[in-house]
C-alpha cells in the first residue's frame, strides 16, 4: 500500500497544496527569510497529528481533527486497520492518508489512524517535527552527524 513516504504537515499547510496528478500533490512555500525563493515538496501521502473535535456517522467514519493551525476533515476512518470505535472528542491522534481536497476545509482519506492520547509529550513535539522536516527537505538545515 505505502509505496512512498508520508510527509508531516501542519493542517494549515494543506490549503497551500497543488494537485499535480491523480495520486500526487505538491506543497509550495516561500523559503525561510528569502521571500522571492519558492520551494516545493512533491508527495503522495500526508501525516498529520491533532485533537479530535468531533466525529460523524454511525461507525464514526468521519472525524474533524485540529492541530492548532487549522482543521481537517478525515474520511474513511472506519475502513482503517483497527477501526474507528476508539475515536472520541478530545483524543490526540495521528493520521496518515491521502489528500482529497485542499481548499476550504481540507479533506484527507485515512489509511492509518493511531491513538496517541496516552503520551502527552507527542502533541508538544509535533510542531517541531514538522518544522524540522520542512527545513531538511528544503536544505535549509543539515543534520550534524556524530564524529563529523
N, C-alpha and C. Protein backbone atom coordinates (compact mmCIF):
# COMPACT_ATOMS: atom_id res chain seq x y z
N UNK A 1 0.82 -1.19 0.00
CA UNK A 1 0.00 0.00 0.00
C UNK A 1 0.87 1.26 0.00
N UNK A 2 1.82 1.35 0.93
CA UNK A 2 2.64 2.56 1.01
C UNK A 2 3.87 2.40 0.14
N UNK A 3 3.83 3.01 -1.02
CA UNK A 3 4.96 2.96 -1.95
C UNK A 3 5.78 4.24 -1.92
N UNK A 4 5.36 5.19 -1.09
CA UNK A 4 6.04 6.48 -0.93
C UNK A 4 5.98 6.85 0.55
N UNK A 5 6.90 7.70 1.01
CA UNK A 5 6.81 8.14 2.42
C UNK A 5 5.64 9.09 2.62
N UNK A 6 5.16 9.15 3.85
CA UNK A 6 4.15 10.13 4.23
C UNK A 6 4.89 11.34 4.78
N UNK A 7 4.52 12.54 4.35
CA UNK A 7 5.18 13.76 4.79
C UNK A 7 4.38 14.45 5.89
N UNK A 8 5.09 14.94 6.88
CA UNK A 8 4.48 15.61 8.02
C UNK A 8 4.05 17.02 7.63
N UNK A 9 2.81 17.36 7.98
CA UNK A 9 2.27 18.68 7.69
C UNK A 9 1.52 19.23 8.89
N UNK A 10 1.51 20.56 8.98
CA UNK A 10 0.53 21.24 9.82
C UNK A 10 -0.77 21.26 9.01
N UNK A 11 -1.89 21.25 9.69
CA UNK A 11 -3.17 21.27 8.97
C UNK A 11 -3.28 22.47 8.03
N UNK A 12 -2.79 23.65 8.46
CA UNK A 12 -2.89 24.85 7.62
C UNK A 12 -2.12 24.71 6.31
N UNK A 13 -1.08 23.87 6.30
CA UNK A 13 -0.26 23.69 5.11
C UNK A 13 -1.04 23.06 3.96
N UNK A 14 -2.06 22.28 4.28
CA UNK A 14 -2.81 21.59 3.24
C UNK A 14 -3.51 22.55 2.30
N UNK A 15 -3.86 23.75 2.79
CA UNK A 15 -4.50 24.75 1.93
C UNK A 15 -3.57 25.29 0.86
N UNK A 16 -2.26 25.08 1.01
CA UNK A 16 -1.29 25.58 0.04
C UNK A 16 -0.82 24.50 -0.92
N UNK A 17 -1.46 23.33 -0.89
CA UNK A 17 -1.05 22.23 -1.76
C UNK A 17 -1.71 22.34 -3.13
N UNK A 18 -1.02 21.82 -4.12
CA UNK A 18 -1.49 21.86 -5.51
C UNK A 18 -1.47 20.45 -6.06
N UNK A 19 -2.58 20.02 -6.65
CA UNK A 19 -2.66 18.68 -7.25
C UNK A 19 -1.86 18.67 -8.55
N UNK A 20 -0.97 17.68 -8.70
CA UNK A 20 -0.15 17.62 -9.91
C UNK A 20 -0.43 16.38 -10.76
N UNK A 21 -1.15 15.39 -10.20
CA UNK A 21 -1.59 14.22 -10.96
C UNK A 21 -2.68 13.52 -10.15
N UNK A 22 -3.16 12.39 -10.64
CA UNK A 22 -4.22 11.69 -9.92
C UNK A 22 -3.82 11.33 -8.49
N UNK A 23 -2.57 10.94 -8.28
CA UNK A 23 -2.11 10.47 -6.97
C UNK A 23 -1.19 11.44 -6.24
N UNK A 24 -0.67 12.45 -6.92
CA UNK A 24 0.36 13.29 -6.32
C UNK A 24 -0.04 14.75 -6.18
N UNK A 25 0.52 15.36 -5.13
CA UNK A 25 0.33 16.78 -4.82
C UNK A 25 1.70 17.38 -4.62
N UNK A 26 1.75 18.70 -4.56
CA UNK A 26 2.98 19.36 -4.15
C UNK A 26 2.63 20.48 -3.18
N UNK A 27 3.54 20.69 -2.24
CA UNK A 27 3.40 21.75 -1.25
C UNK A 27 4.42 22.81 -1.61
N UNK A 28 3.94 24.00 -1.96
CA UNK A 28 4.83 25.12 -2.32
C UNK A 28 4.78 26.17 -1.22
N UNK A 29 5.95 26.67 -0.87
CA UNK A 29 6.02 27.69 0.16
C UNK A 29 7.27 28.53 -0.04
N UNK A 30 7.26 29.70 0.55
CA UNK A 30 8.41 30.60 0.48
C UNK A 30 9.49 30.07 1.41
N UNK A 31 10.71 30.11 0.94
CA UNK A 31 11.84 29.54 1.65
C UNK A 31 12.41 30.51 2.69
N UNK A 32 12.30 30.14 3.96
CA UNK A 32 12.93 30.88 5.05
C UNK A 32 12.63 32.37 5.01
N UNK A 33 13.68 33.17 5.18
CA UNK A 33 13.54 34.63 5.20
C UNK A 33 13.62 35.24 3.80
N UNK A 34 13.87 34.40 2.81
CA UNK A 34 14.02 34.89 1.44
C UNK A 34 12.67 34.72 0.74
N UNK A 35 11.91 35.80 0.66
CA UNK A 35 10.54 35.69 0.16
C UNK A 35 10.44 35.50 -1.35
N UNK A 36 11.53 35.67 -2.08
CA UNK A 36 11.44 35.51 -3.53
C UNK A 36 11.85 34.11 -3.99
N UNK A 37 12.16 33.20 -3.06
CA UNK A 37 12.51 31.83 -3.42
C UNK A 37 11.38 30.91 -2.98
N UNK A 38 10.81 30.17 -3.93
CA UNK A 38 9.74 29.23 -3.63
C UNK A 38 10.31 27.82 -3.64
N UNK A 39 9.99 27.06 -2.62
CA UNK A 39 10.39 25.66 -2.52
C UNK A 39 9.17 24.79 -2.74
N UNK A 40 9.38 23.56 -3.20
CA UNK A 40 8.29 22.66 -3.50
C UNK A 40 8.62 21.26 -2.99
N UNK A 41 7.64 20.63 -2.33
CA UNK A 41 7.79 19.26 -1.86
C UNK A 41 6.68 18.43 -2.51
N UNK A 42 7.03 17.52 -3.44
CA UNK A 42 6.00 16.64 -4.01
C UNK A 42 5.71 15.50 -3.03
N UNK A 43 4.44 15.06 -2.97
CA UNK A 43 4.09 13.99 -2.04
C UNK A 43 2.85 13.24 -2.51
N UNK A 44 2.71 12.06 -1.97
CA UNK A 44 1.53 11.22 -2.22
C UNK A 44 0.70 11.05 -0.94
N UNK A 45 1.38 10.93 0.20
CA UNK A 45 0.70 10.71 1.48
C UNK A 45 1.02 11.83 2.46
N UNK A 46 0.05 12.16 3.30
CA UNK A 46 0.25 13.16 4.35
C UNK A 46 0.24 12.46 5.70
N UNK A 47 0.94 13.08 6.64
CA UNK A 47 0.96 12.61 8.02
C UNK A 47 0.61 13.81 8.89
N UNK A 48 -0.49 13.70 9.61
CA UNK A 48 -0.98 14.78 10.45
C UNK A 48 -1.13 14.28 11.88
N UNK A 49 -1.13 15.21 12.82
CA UNK A 49 -1.47 14.89 14.20
C UNK A 49 -2.35 16.00 14.73
N UNK A 50 -3.27 15.65 15.62
CA UNK A 50 -4.13 16.66 16.21
C UNK A 50 -5.17 16.06 17.12
N UNK A 51 -6.00 16.95 17.65
CA UNK A 51 -7.06 16.56 18.57
C UNK A 51 -8.36 16.38 17.82
N UNK A 52 -9.09 15.32 18.15
CA UNK A 52 -10.39 15.08 17.53
C UNK A 52 -11.39 16.07 18.10
N UNK A 53 -11.98 16.88 17.23
CA UNK A 53 -13.01 17.85 17.65
C UNK A 53 -14.40 17.24 17.62
N UNK A 54 -14.63 16.38 16.63
CA UNK A 54 -15.93 15.72 16.52
C UNK A 54 -15.84 14.54 15.58
N UNK A 55 -16.81 13.65 15.70
CA UNK A 55 -16.93 12.52 14.78
C UNK A 55 -18.34 12.52 14.22
N UNK A 56 -18.51 11.86 13.09
CA UNK A 56 -19.83 11.79 12.46
C UNK A 56 -20.01 10.41 11.84
N UNK A 57 -21.25 10.00 11.74
CA UNK A 57 -21.58 8.72 11.14
C UNK A 57 -21.78 7.64 12.19
N UNK A 58 -22.58 6.67 11.85
CA UNK A 58 -22.90 5.58 12.77
C UNK A 58 -21.65 4.83 13.21
N UNK A 59 -20.70 4.65 12.29
CA UNK A 59 -19.46 3.93 12.60
C UNK A 59 -18.27 4.88 12.73
N UNK A 60 -18.54 6.16 13.02
CA UNK A 60 -17.50 7.18 13.15
C UNK A 60 -16.60 7.19 11.91
N UNK A 61 -17.25 7.21 10.74
CA UNK A 61 -16.45 7.20 9.51
C UNK A 61 -15.81 8.54 9.19
N UNK A 62 -16.24 9.61 9.85
CA UNK A 62 -15.67 10.94 9.62
C UNK A 62 -15.25 11.54 10.95
N UNK A 63 -14.11 12.24 10.93
CA UNK A 63 -13.65 12.96 12.12
C UNK A 63 -13.14 14.33 11.67
N UNK A 64 -13.27 15.30 12.55
CA UNK A 64 -12.66 16.61 12.35
C UNK A 64 -11.51 16.69 13.33
N UNK A 65 -10.31 16.94 12.80
CA UNK A 65 -9.09 16.97 13.62
C UNK A 65 -8.47 18.36 13.55
N UNK A 66 -8.08 18.88 14.71
CA UNK A 66 -7.47 20.21 14.80
C UNK A 66 -6.09 20.10 15.43
N UNK A 67 -5.13 20.84 14.87
CA UNK A 67 -3.77 20.84 15.43
C UNK A 67 -3.35 22.22 15.95
N UNK A 68 -4.28 23.14 16.04
CA UNK A 68 -3.95 24.49 16.49
C UNK A 68 -3.65 25.44 15.35
N UNK A 69 -3.34 24.89 14.15
CA UNK A 69 -3.10 25.73 12.99
C UNK A 69 -4.30 25.71 12.05
N UNK A 70 -5.16 24.72 12.21
CA UNK A 70 -6.32 24.58 11.34
C UNK A 70 -7.03 23.27 11.61
N UNK A 71 -8.11 23.07 10.86
CA UNK A 71 -8.91 21.87 10.99
C UNK A 71 -8.90 21.10 9.69
N UNK A 72 -9.04 19.76 9.78
CA UNK A 72 -9.07 18.89 8.61
C UNK A 72 -10.18 17.87 8.80
N UNK A 73 -10.91 17.61 7.72
CA UNK A 73 -11.92 16.55 7.72
C UNK A 73 -11.23 15.25 7.34
N UNK A 74 -11.35 14.25 8.20
CA UNK A 74 -10.75 12.94 7.95
C UNK A 74 -11.89 11.97 7.60
N UNK A 75 -11.80 11.35 6.43
CA UNK A 75 -12.82 10.40 6.00
C UNK A 75 -12.27 8.98 5.98
N UNK A 76 -13.13 8.01 5.78
CA UNK A 76 -12.78 6.58 5.71
C UNK A 76 -12.19 6.07 7.03
N UNK A 77 -12.52 6.73 8.14
CA UNK A 77 -11.97 6.34 9.44
C UNK A 77 -12.33 4.90 9.80
N UNK A 78 -13.53 4.48 9.46
CA UNK A 78 -13.98 3.13 9.81
C UNK A 78 -13.35 2.06 8.94
N UNK A 79 -12.63 2.43 7.89
CA UNK A 79 -12.03 1.46 6.98
C UNK A 79 -10.56 1.17 7.30
N UNK A 80 -9.98 1.87 8.27
CA UNK A 80 -8.57 1.66 8.61
C UNK A 80 -8.41 0.42 9.47
N UNK A 81 -7.22 -0.21 9.43
CA UNK A 81 -6.99 -1.35 10.33
C UNK A 81 -7.20 -0.93 11.79
N UNK A 82 -7.93 -1.73 12.52
CA UNK A 82 -8.22 -1.40 13.92
C UNK A 82 -9.51 -0.65 14.10
N UNK A 83 -10.08 -0.15 13.01
CA UNK A 83 -11.36 0.52 13.06
C UNK A 83 -11.33 1.89 13.70
N UNK A 84 -12.52 2.42 13.93
CA UNK A 84 -12.66 3.78 14.42
C UNK A 84 -13.45 3.88 15.72
N UNK A 85 -13.72 2.77 16.36
CA UNK A 85 -14.54 2.80 17.58
C UNK A 85 -13.90 3.61 18.70
N UNK A 86 -12.59 3.76 18.69
CA UNK A 86 -11.86 4.50 19.74
C UNK A 86 -11.90 6.01 19.52
N UNK A 87 -12.32 6.46 18.35
CA UNK A 87 -12.32 7.90 18.05
C UNK A 87 -13.32 8.63 18.94
N UNK A 88 -12.82 9.48 19.79
CA UNK A 88 -13.67 10.27 20.68
C UNK A 88 -13.15 11.70 20.75
N UNK A 89 -14.05 12.63 20.95
CA UNK A 89 -13.70 14.04 21.08
C UNK A 89 -12.64 14.20 22.17
N UNK A 90 -11.59 15.00 21.83
CA UNK A 90 -10.54 15.30 22.79
C UNK A 90 -9.34 14.39 22.71
N UNK A 91 -9.44 13.25 22.03
CA UNK A 91 -8.29 12.35 21.91
C UNK A 91 -7.27 12.93 20.92
N UNK A 92 -6.00 12.70 21.22
CA UNK A 92 -4.93 13.15 20.33
C UNK A 92 -4.57 11.96 19.44
N UNK A 93 -4.50 12.20 18.14
CA UNK A 93 -4.28 11.10 17.21
C UNK A 93 -3.33 11.47 16.08
N UNK A 94 -2.83 10.42 15.45
CA UNK A 94 -2.01 10.54 14.25
C UNK A 94 -2.85 10.03 13.08
N UNK A 95 -2.74 10.72 11.94
CA UNK A 95 -3.47 10.35 10.74
C UNK A 95 -2.49 10.26 9.58
N UNK A 96 -2.48 9.14 8.89
CA UNK A 96 -1.74 9.01 7.64
C UNK A 96 -2.78 8.73 6.57
N UNK A 97 -2.72 9.48 5.48
CA UNK A 97 -3.72 9.29 4.43
C UNK A 97 -3.39 10.04 3.17
N UNK A 98 -4.37 10.12 2.30
CA UNK A 98 -4.20 10.81 1.02
C UNK A 98 -5.05 12.08 1.03
N UNK A 99 -4.47 13.14 0.52
CA UNK A 99 -5.18 14.40 0.43
C UNK A 99 -6.24 14.29 -0.67
N UNK A 100 -7.46 14.64 -0.33
CA UNK A 100 -8.57 14.58 -1.28
C UNK A 100 -8.93 15.98 -1.77
N UNK A 101 -8.96 16.92 -0.83
CA UNK A 101 -9.31 18.31 -1.17
C UNK A 101 -8.47 19.24 -0.31
N UNK A 102 -7.93 20.28 -0.93
CA UNK A 102 -7.06 21.22 -0.22
C UNK A 102 -7.76 22.53 0.13
N UNK A 103 -8.82 22.87 -0.58
CA UNK A 103 -9.44 24.18 -0.37
C UNK A 103 -10.52 24.11 0.72
N UNK A 104 -10.81 25.29 1.29
CA UNK A 104 -11.81 25.34 2.36
C UNK A 104 -11.35 24.50 3.54
N UNK A 105 -12.20 23.57 3.97
CA UNK A 105 -11.82 22.60 4.99
C UNK A 105 -11.15 21.44 4.27
N UNK A 106 -9.81 21.32 4.39
CA UNK A 106 -9.12 20.24 3.68
C UNK A 106 -9.68 18.88 4.09
N UNK A 107 -9.59 17.92 3.16
CA UNK A 107 -10.10 16.58 3.41
C UNK A 107 -9.00 15.56 3.14
N UNK A 108 -8.84 14.62 4.06
CA UNK A 108 -7.86 13.55 3.94
C UNK A 108 -8.58 12.22 4.11
N UNK A 109 -8.36 11.28 3.18
CA UNK A 109 -8.89 9.93 3.30
C UNK A 109 -7.89 9.12 4.12
N UNK A 110 -8.31 8.65 5.30
CA UNK A 110 -7.41 7.96 6.22
C UNK A 110 -7.02 6.58 5.71
N UNK A 111 -5.74 6.26 5.87
CA UNK A 111 -5.22 4.92 5.61
C UNK A 111 -4.75 4.28 6.92
N UNK A 112 -4.37 5.14 7.88
CA UNK A 112 -3.91 4.68 9.18
C UNK A 112 -4.26 5.73 10.22
N UNK A 113 -4.82 5.29 11.35
CA UNK A 113 -5.13 6.15 12.48
C UNK A 113 -4.52 5.53 13.73
N UNK A 114 -3.92 6.38 14.57
CA UNK A 114 -3.31 5.89 15.80
C UNK A 114 -3.71 6.79 16.96
N UNK A 115 -4.12 6.19 18.05
CA UNK A 115 -4.45 6.93 19.26
C UNK A 115 -3.14 7.24 20.00
N UNK A 116 -2.81 8.51 20.11
CA UNK A 116 -1.58 8.94 20.78
C UNK A 116 -1.86 9.59 22.13
N UNK A 117 -3.08 9.47 22.61
CA UNK A 117 -3.51 10.17 23.82
C UNK A 117 -2.75 9.76 25.07
N UNK A 118 -2.18 8.59 25.10
CA UNK A 118 -1.51 8.11 26.31
C UNK A 118 -0.14 8.74 26.52
N UNK A 119 0.36 9.47 25.52
CA UNK A 119 1.68 10.09 25.64
C UNK A 119 1.55 11.58 25.32
N UNK A 120 1.30 12.41 26.35
CA UNK A 120 1.03 13.84 26.12
C UNK A 120 2.20 14.63 25.52
N UNK A 121 3.41 14.13 25.62
CA UNK A 121 4.55 14.86 25.05
C UNK A 121 4.48 14.90 23.53
N UNK A 122 3.81 13.93 22.92
CA UNK A 122 3.75 13.88 21.45
C UNK A 122 3.10 15.12 20.85
N UNK A 123 2.09 15.66 21.51
CA UNK A 123 1.43 16.86 20.97
C UNK A 123 2.32 18.09 21.07
N UNK A 124 3.22 18.13 22.05
CA UNK A 124 4.09 19.31 22.18
C UNK A 124 5.28 19.26 21.23
N UNK A 125 5.73 18.07 20.83
CA UNK A 125 6.89 18.00 19.93
C UNK A 125 6.49 17.97 18.45
N UNK A 126 5.21 17.68 18.16
CA UNK A 126 4.78 17.58 16.76
C UNK A 126 5.09 18.83 15.93
N UNK A 127 4.77 20.04 16.40
CA UNK A 127 5.08 21.22 15.58
C UNK A 127 6.57 21.34 15.26
N UNK A 128 7.42 20.94 16.18
CA UNK A 128 8.87 20.98 15.94
C UNK A 128 9.29 19.93 14.92
N UNK A 129 8.67 18.76 14.97
CA UNK A 129 8.97 17.71 13.99
C UNK A 129 8.62 18.16 12.57
N UNK A 130 7.46 18.79 12.43
CA UNK A 130 7.01 19.26 11.11
C UNK A 130 7.97 20.32 10.59
N UNK A 131 8.33 21.27 11.44
CA UNK A 131 9.24 22.34 11.03
C UNK A 131 10.61 21.78 10.65
N UNK A 132 11.11 20.85 11.45
CA UNK A 132 12.42 20.26 11.17
C UNK A 132 12.41 19.53 9.82
N UNK A 133 11.38 18.75 9.55
CA UNK A 133 11.31 18.02 8.28
C UNK A 133 11.30 18.99 7.10
N UNK A 134 10.52 20.06 7.19
CA UNK A 134 10.46 21.01 6.08
C UNK A 134 11.80 21.70 5.87
N UNK A 135 12.51 21.99 6.95
CA UNK A 135 13.84 22.60 6.82
C UNK A 135 14.83 21.63 6.19
N UNK A 136 14.77 20.36 6.57
CA UNK A 136 15.66 19.36 6.00
C UNK A 136 15.36 19.12 4.52
N UNK A 137 14.09 19.01 4.18
CA UNK A 137 13.71 18.75 2.79
C UNK A 137 14.05 19.89 1.85
N UNK A 138 14.08 21.10 2.38
CA UNK A 138 14.41 22.26 1.55
C UNK A 138 15.87 22.68 1.72
N UNK A 139 16.64 21.84 2.38
CA UNK A 139 18.08 22.06 2.57
C UNK A 139 18.39 23.36 3.29
N UNK A 140 17.50 23.80 4.16
CA UNK A 140 17.76 24.97 4.99
C UNK A 140 18.41 24.57 6.31
N UNK A 141 18.39 23.29 6.59
CA UNK A 141 19.07 22.76 7.78
C UNK A 141 19.69 21.43 7.38
N UNK A 142 20.83 21.16 7.90
CA UNK A 142 21.51 19.91 7.61
C UNK A 142 21.79 19.22 8.94
N UNK A 143 21.55 17.90 9.01
CA UNK A 143 21.82 17.20 10.26
C UNK A 143 23.32 17.14 10.54
N UNK A 144 23.67 17.24 11.82
CA UNK A 144 25.06 17.11 12.22
C UNK A 144 25.25 15.69 12.73
N UNK A 145 26.06 14.94 12.03
CA UNK A 145 26.29 13.55 12.39
C UNK A 145 27.41 13.46 13.40
N UNK A 146 27.30 12.50 14.30
CA UNK A 146 28.35 12.30 15.31
C UNK A 146 29.68 12.00 14.62
N UNK A 147 30.73 12.61 15.11
CA UNK A 147 32.06 12.37 14.56
C UNK A 147 32.37 13.20 13.32
N UNK A 148 31.45 14.06 12.91
CA UNK A 148 31.75 14.85 11.71
C UNK A 148 31.95 16.30 12.04
